[in-house]
Protein backbone atom coordinates (compact mmCIF):
# COMPACT_ATOMS: atom_id res chain seq x y z
CA UNK A 1 2.21 138.12 -42.65
CA UNK A 2 0.57 134.75 -43.32
CA UNK A 3 2.43 132.15 -45.38
CA UNK A 4 0.56 129.05 -46.48
CA UNK A 5 2.29 125.89 -47.72
CA UNK A 6 -0.31 123.54 -49.26
CA UNK A 7 0.88 119.94 -48.96
CA UNK A 8 -0.22 116.81 -50.80
CA UNK A 9 0.65 113.13 -50.74
CA UNK A 10 4.04 112.48 -52.30
CA UNK A 11 5.43 115.96 -51.73
CA UNK A 12 9.23 116.19 -51.37
CA UNK A 13 9.82 117.06 -47.74
CA UNK A 14 12.84 119.32 -48.28
CA UNK A 15 10.86 121.35 -50.80
CA UNK A 16 8.81 122.71 -47.92
CA UNK A 17 10.81 122.02 -44.77
CA UNK A 18 13.74 124.05 -46.12
CA UNK A 19 11.73 127.23 -46.76
CA UNK A 20 9.62 126.58 -43.65
CA UNK A 21 12.75 126.62 -41.48
CA UNK A 22 13.74 130.04 -42.82
CA UNK A 23 10.26 131.55 -42.91
CA UNK A 24 9.69 130.45 -39.32
CA UNK A 25 12.48 132.80 -38.18
CA UNK A 26 10.62 135.86 -39.49
CA UNK A 27 9.05 138.32 -37.04
CA UNK A 28 5.27 138.64 -36.89
CA UNK A 29 4.83 135.91 -39.47
CA UNK A 30 2.56 132.87 -39.33
CA UNK A 31 3.72 129.88 -41.38
CA UNK A 32 0.95 127.37 -42.01
CA UNK A 33 1.41 123.88 -43.41
CA UNK A 34 -1.96 122.62 -44.61
CA UNK A 35 -3.51 119.71 -46.47
CA UNK A 36 -6.93 118.70 -47.73
CA UNK A 37 -8.99 117.95 -44.65
CA UNK A 38 -5.88 118.38 -42.51
CA UNK A 39 -4.95 114.79 -43.34
CA UNK A 40 -1.45 113.55 -42.44
CA UNK A 41 0.96 113.75 -45.36
CA UNK A 42 3.59 111.14 -46.17
CA UNK A 43 6.73 112.62 -47.69
CA UNK A 44 9.93 110.67 -48.28
CA UNK A 45 8.95 108.11 -45.60
CA UNK A 46 8.25 110.84 -43.07
CA UNK A 47 4.71 111.56 -41.90
CA UNK A 48 3.62 115.12 -41.17
CA UNK A 49 0.51 115.39 -39.02
CA UNK A 50 -1.51 118.02 -37.14
CA UNK A 51 -1.76 120.04 -40.34
CA UNK A 52 -4.37 122.70 -40.88
CA UNK A 53 -7.32 122.04 -43.15
CA UNK A 54 -6.65 123.79 -46.45
CA UNK A 55 -10.34 124.48 -46.97
CA UNK A 56 -10.51 126.42 -43.70
CA UNK A 57 -7.80 128.92 -44.64
CA UNK A 58 -9.57 131.97 -46.01
CA UNK A 59 -6.57 133.84 -47.39
CA UNK A 60 -2.81 134.29 -47.22
CA UNK A 61 -0.20 136.90 -48.04
CA UNK A 62 2.19 134.39 -49.58
CA UNK A 63 1.34 131.06 -51.17
CA UNK A 64 4.27 128.64 -51.38
CA UNK A 65 3.63 125.44 -53.35
CA UNK A 66 6.24 122.69 -52.98
CA UNK A 67 7.04 120.01 -55.54
CA UNK A 68 7.47 116.28 -55.41
CA UNK A 69 6.63 112.97 -57.01
CA UNK A 70 2.96 113.46 -56.24
CA UNK A 71 2.63 116.83 -57.97
CA UNK A 72 0.87 115.47 -61.07
CA UNK A 73 -1.73 113.64 -58.99
CA UNK A 74 -2.18 116.85 -57.01
CA UNK A 75 -2.86 118.65 -60.30
CA UNK A 76 -5.44 115.98 -61.10
CA UNK A 77 -7.18 116.64 -57.76
CA UNK A 78 -9.78 119.31 -58.47
CA UNK A 79 -10.35 120.04 -54.76
CA UNK A 80 -6.67 120.72 -54.16
CA UNK A 81 -6.34 122.85 -57.28
CA UNK A 82 -9.43 124.90 -56.47
CA UNK A 83 -7.81 125.94 -53.19
CA UNK A 84 -4.57 126.85 -54.96
CA UNK A 85 -6.50 129.11 -57.33
CA UNK A 86 -8.63 130.57 -54.53
CA UNK A 87 -5.71 131.45 -52.27
CA UNK A 88 -3.66 132.81 -55.18
CA UNK A 89 -6.38 135.32 -56.05
CA UNK A 90 -5.71 137.40 -52.93
CA UNK A 91 -2.08 136.53 -52.20
CA UNK A 92 0.50 139.28 -52.48
CA UNK A 93 3.07 136.72 -53.60
CA UNK A 94 2.58 133.47 -55.52
CA UNK A 95 5.57 131.18 -55.15
CA UNK A 96 6.80 127.62 -55.59
CA UNK A 97 9.75 125.31 -55.15
CA UNK A 98 10.80 122.62 -57.62
CA UNK A 99 7.86 121.03 -59.46
CA UNK A 100 5.47 123.10 -57.42
CA UNK A 101 5.80 125.39 -60.43
CA UNK A 102 3.92 122.79 -62.49
CA UNK A 103 1.05 123.09 -60.03
CA UNK A 104 1.07 126.87 -60.36
CA UNK A 105 1.18 126.48 -64.13
CA UNK A 106 -1.73 124.04 -64.19
CA UNK A 107 -3.68 126.49 -62.02
CA UNK A 108 -3.23 129.12 -64.74
CA UNK A 109 -0.92 131.27 -62.62
CA UNK A 110 2.21 131.25 -64.81
CA UNK A 111 0.95 132.34 -68.21
CA UNK A 112 3.65 134.41 -69.91
CA UNK A 113 5.66 134.35 -66.66
CA UNK A 114 9.28 133.31 -66.36
CA UNK A 115 9.58 130.43 -63.94
CA UNK A 116 12.09 127.98 -62.51
CA UNK A 117 11.65 124.35 -61.56
CA UNK A 118 13.72 121.16 -61.32
CA UNK A 119 15.98 120.80 -64.38
CA UNK A 120 14.37 117.51 -65.36
CA UNK A 121 10.92 119.11 -65.57
CA UNK A 122 11.83 122.56 -66.86
CA UNK A 123 10.62 121.99 -70.42
CA UNK A 124 7.17 120.96 -69.12
CA UNK A 125 6.53 124.50 -67.87
CA UNK A 126 5.85 125.55 -71.45
CA UNK A 127 2.85 123.17 -71.46
CA UNK A 128 1.13 125.63 -69.15
CA UNK A 129 2.08 128.83 -70.92
CA UNK A 130 5.07 129.63 -68.71
CA UNK A 131 8.52 130.69 -69.91
CA UNK A 132 11.10 128.17 -68.60
CA UNK A 133 14.10 129.79 -66.94
CA UNK A 134 17.19 127.87 -65.81
CA UNK A 135 18.05 130.26 -62.95
CA UNK A 136 18.06 128.89 -59.42
CA UNK A 137 15.48 131.46 -58.31
CA UNK A 138 13.31 133.48 -60.70
CA UNK A 139 11.25 136.55 -59.87
CA UNK A 140 8.65 137.79 -62.36
CA UNK A 141 6.35 140.37 -60.83
CA UNK A 142 4.76 138.89 -57.73
CA UNK A 143 5.64 135.36 -58.83
CA UNK A 144 8.81 133.88 -57.32
CA UNK A 145 9.86 130.33 -58.20
CA UNK A 146 12.76 128.18 -57.08
CA UNK A 147 14.57 125.39 -58.90
CA UNK A 148 14.89 121.83 -57.71
CA UNK A 149 14.61 120.81 -54.04
CA UNK A 150 17.65 122.43 -52.38
CA UNK A 151 17.02 125.66 -54.29
CA UNK A 152 14.14 126.12 -51.84
CA UNK A 153 16.55 127.55 -49.29
CA UNK A 154 17.99 130.10 -51.71
CA UNK A 155 14.42 130.82 -52.78
CA UNK A 156 13.38 131.47 -49.18
CA UNK A 157 16.20 133.98 -48.71
CA UNK A 158 15.20 135.79 -51.93
CA UNK A 159 11.60 135.97 -50.70
CA UNK A 160 12.67 137.22 -47.27
CA UNK A 161 14.90 139.89 -48.82
CA UNK A 162 12.07 140.95 -51.12
CA UNK A 163 9.58 141.43 -48.28
CA UNK A 164 11.69 142.19 -45.20
CA UNK A 165 14.93 143.49 -46.69
CA UNK A 166 18.40 142.11 -47.24
CA UNK A 167 19.56 142.66 -43.66
CA UNK A 168 16.79 140.47 -42.26
CA UNK A 169 17.58 137.79 -44.82
CA UNK A 170 21.26 137.92 -43.96
CA UNK A 171 20.60 137.69 -40.23
CA UNK A 172 18.47 134.59 -40.71
CA UNK A 173 21.07 133.10 -43.05
CA UNK A 174 23.77 133.67 -40.45
CA UNK A 175 21.62 132.36 -37.59
CA UNK A 176 21.03 129.13 -39.49
CA UNK A 177 24.65 129.02 -40.69
CA UNK A 178 23.65 128.60 -44.29
CA UNK A 179 27.07 128.57 -45.95
CA UNK A 180 26.84 125.80 -48.56
CA UNK A 181 30.08 124.20 -49.64
CA UNK A 182 29.15 120.95 -51.43
CA UNK A 183 31.91 118.35 -51.79
CA UNK A 184 31.09 117.92 -55.48
CA UNK A 185 30.12 120.36 -58.21
CA UNK A 186 27.53 117.93 -59.53
CA UNK A 187 24.28 119.69 -58.69
CA UNK A 188 23.39 120.64 -62.27
CA UNK A 189 23.66 118.62 -65.51
CA UNK A 190 25.99 121.21 -66.98
CA UNK A 191 28.48 120.94 -64.09
CA UNK A 192 28.25 117.24 -63.21
CA UNK A 193 30.71 114.76 -64.77
CA UNK A 194 29.44 113.74 -68.20
CA UNK A 195 28.82 110.11 -67.26
CA UNK A 196 26.92 111.09 -64.12
CA UNK A 197 24.82 113.63 -66.01
CA UNK A 198 24.00 111.18 -68.79
CA UNK A 199 23.01 108.44 -66.35
CA UNK A 200 20.77 110.71 -64.28
CA UNK A 201 19.18 112.32 -67.32
CA UNK A 202 18.25 108.88 -68.66
CA UNK A 203 16.82 107.81 -65.30
CA UNK A 204 14.85 111.04 -64.93
CA UNK A 205 13.53 110.84 -68.49
CA UNK A 206 12.24 107.32 -67.91
CA UNK A 207 10.75 108.26 -64.53
CA UNK A 208 9.07 111.37 -65.91
CA UNK A 209 7.59 109.44 -68.83
CA UNK A 210 6.13 106.92 -66.41
CA UNK A 211 4.66 109.65 -64.22
CA UNK A 212 3.24 111.60 -67.16
CA UNK A 213 1.63 108.40 -68.50
CA UNK A 214 -0.04 107.53 -65.18
CA UNK A 215 -3.57 106.32 -66.01
CA UNK A 216 -4.87 108.10 -62.89
CA UNK A 217 -4.21 111.43 -64.62
CA UNK A 218 -6.94 112.96 -66.80
CA UNK A 219 -6.33 112.18 -70.47
CA UNK A 220 -6.11 115.87 -71.35
CA UNK A 221 -3.35 116.39 -68.79
CA UNK A 222 -1.44 113.31 -69.98
CA UNK A 223 -1.65 114.51 -73.57
CA UNK A 224 -0.43 117.96 -72.63
CA UNK A 225 2.55 116.65 -70.69
CA UNK A 226 3.43 114.15 -73.40
CA UNK A 227 3.12 116.72 -76.16
CA UNK A 228 0.34 114.93 -78.00
């Protein structure tokens, strides 16, 4: 089993380090973190180096695309997107975490598919022909998508159970002592205190507008994201 995680500048590190931690416990499985040219990737002030060259990976069984602040610029990078499309053609499973779903959508891999992503970007999935779903993990055929950031761990367990069975997933969960008990029930807008939700929604709306309006993006992509 070969799992490829294609990284890009500005990726959110937990989007891929969370699933990577769980996937790395699987038997007879190779987990590959790769980037264009094997270049070091900066993510949340951490630098990940000694990555494989994405262009040198011929195929994979599972493609796992993480999200992050740099996802729109990754979409605008034709070299990166060509490798996403190429690897997806032969992959048994096409997957993503957080706004990695936008990358899958832009690659034409989510048309008429239910998909999850970060709550602040969920409505943008429709721009690429996907069906937005507010579940934490969504499975539609061979496409499995996770919600925002921390959902990547739940996503990984769903993927492991799908391929290796529930017992394997549960053993790995137990070995890593994944027993979440957050001190606050504020992880979703619908459960967070109203004032917290309103403040974060405003901040995310302003941030998303700025990112979608980035002049480095192709005009057609900006128009699509902005609903023009």
